[in-house]
C-alpha atoms as a PDB file:
ATOM      1  CA  MET A   1       0.000   0.000   0.000  1.00  0.00           C
ATOM      2  CA  GLY A   2       1.415   3.328  -1.044  1.00  0.00           C
ATOM      3  CA  CYS A   3       1.666   6.440   1.058  1.00  0.00           C
ATOM      4  CA  GLY A   4      -0.925   8.234  -1.074  1.00  0.00           C
ATOM      5  CA  ARG A   5      -3.426   5.410  -0.621  1.00  0.00           C
ATOM      6  CA  ALA A   6      -2.866   5.426   3.158  1.00  0.00           C
ATOM      7  CA  ILE A   7      -3.524   9.169   3.318  1.00  0.00           C
ATOM      8  CA  LEU A   8      -6.659   8.683   1.219  1.00  0.00           C
ATOM      9  CA  CYS A   9      -7.814   5.990   3.672  1.00  0.00           C
ATOM     10  CA  ILE A  10      -7.558   8.499   6.483  1.00  0.00           C
ATOM     11  CA  VAL A  11      -9.022  11.534   4.689  1.00  0.00           C
ATOM     12  CA  PHE A  12     -11.894   9.893   2.767  1.00  0.00           C
ATOM     13  CA  PRO A  13     -12.156   6.123   3.409  1.00  0.00           C
ATOM     14  CA  PRO A  14     -14.823   5.163   0.814  1.00  0.00           C
ATOM     15  CA  LEU A  15     -12.809   6.692  -2.014  1.00  0.00           C
ATOM     16  CA  ALA A  16      -9.776   4.632  -1.015  1.00  0.00           C
ATOM     17  CA  VAL A  17     -11.603   1.324  -1.551  1.00  0.00           C
ATOM     18  CA  VAL A  18     -13.517   2.228  -4.723  1.00  0.00           C
ATOM     19  CA  ASP A  19     -11.510  -0.295  -6.786  1.00  0.00           C
ATOM     20  CA  ARG A  20     -12.441  -3.170  -4.448  1.00  0.00           C
ATOM     21  CA  GLY A  21     -16.087  -3.420  -5.522  1.00  0.00           C
ATOM     22  CA  CYS A  22     -19.494  -2.006  -4.731  1.00  0.00           C
ATOM     23  CA  GLY A  23     -20.075  -4.034  -1.568  1.00  0.00           C
ATOM     24  CA  THR A  24     -16.788  -2.993  -0.022  1.00  0.00           C
ATOM     25  CA  VAL A  25     -17.427   0.665  -0.797  1.00  0.00           C
ATOM     26  CA  LEU A  26     -20.885   0.408   0.750  1.00  0.00           C
ATOM     27  CA  ILE A  27     -19.600  -1.225   3.940  1.00  0.00           C
ATOM     28  CA  VAL A  28     -16.822   1.328   4.360  1.00  0.00           C
ATOM     29  CA  PHE A  29     -19.270   4.150   3.606  1.00  0.00           C
ATOM     30  CA  LEU A  30     -21.681   2.925   6.279  1.00  0.00           C
ATOM     31  CA  LEU A  31     -18.855   2.565   8.784  1.00  0.00           C
ATOM     32  CA  THR A  32     -17.726   6.094   7.951  1.00  0.00           C
ATOM     33  CA  LEU A  33     -21.268   7.375   8.533  1.00  0.00           C
ATOM     34  CA  ALA A  34     -21.345   5.602  11.900  1.00  0.00           C
ATOM     35  CA  GLY A  35     -18.084   7.269  12.831  1.00  0.00           C
ATOM     36  CA  TRP A  36     -15.052   8.432  10.952  1.00  0.00           C
ATOM     37  CA  VAL A  37     -12.628   6.205  12.872  1.00  0.00           C
ATOM     38  CA  PRO A  38     -14.303   2.841  12.063  1.00  0.00           C
ATOM     39  CA  GLY A  39     -14.448   3.737   8.372  1.00  0.00           C
ATOM     40  CA  ALA A  40     -10.800   4.776   8.296  1.00  0.00           C
ATOM     41  CA  ILE A  41      -9.695   1.631  10.120  1.00  0.00           C
ATOM     42  CA  ALA A  42     -11.713  -0.611   7.792  1.00  0.00           C
ATOM     43  CA  ALA A  43     -10.268   1.109   4.720  1.00  0.00           C
ATOM     44  CA  LEU A  44      -6.723   0.781   6.060  1.00  0.00           C
ATOM     45  CA  ILE A  45      -7.207  -2.917   6.838  1.00  0.00           C
ATOM     46  CA  LEU A  46      -8.789  -3.694   3.450  1.00  0.00           C
ATOM     47  CA  ASN A  47      -6.046  -1.881   1.539  1.00  0.00           C
ATOM     48  CA  TYR A  48      -3.312  -3.493   3.642  1.00  0.00           C
ATOM     49  CA  MET A  49      -4.738  -6.976   3.010  1.00  0.00           C
ATOM     50  CA  ALA A  50      -5.052  -6.287  -0.726  1.00  0.00           C
ATOM     51  CA  ALA A  51      -1.479  -4.988  -0.940  1.00  0.00           C
ATOM     52  CA  ASN A  52      -0.072  -8.078   0.793  1.00  0.00           C
ATOM     53  CA  LYS A  53      -2.102 -10.425  -1.396  1.00  0.00           C
ATOM     54  CA  ARG A  54      -0.281  -9.370  -4.562  1.00  0.00           C
END
């Protein structure tokens, strides 16, 4: 995961996971609506797992 993607996860979490699929974006969006911190953490985890999978 690049530095730019990590910053995007913190600033606007749903935009950081837009390439993961509609369901992932929806889940992160709902978590961000519930509270900014859960959405940011979910986006960071999803992007970290995707980066290590490659």
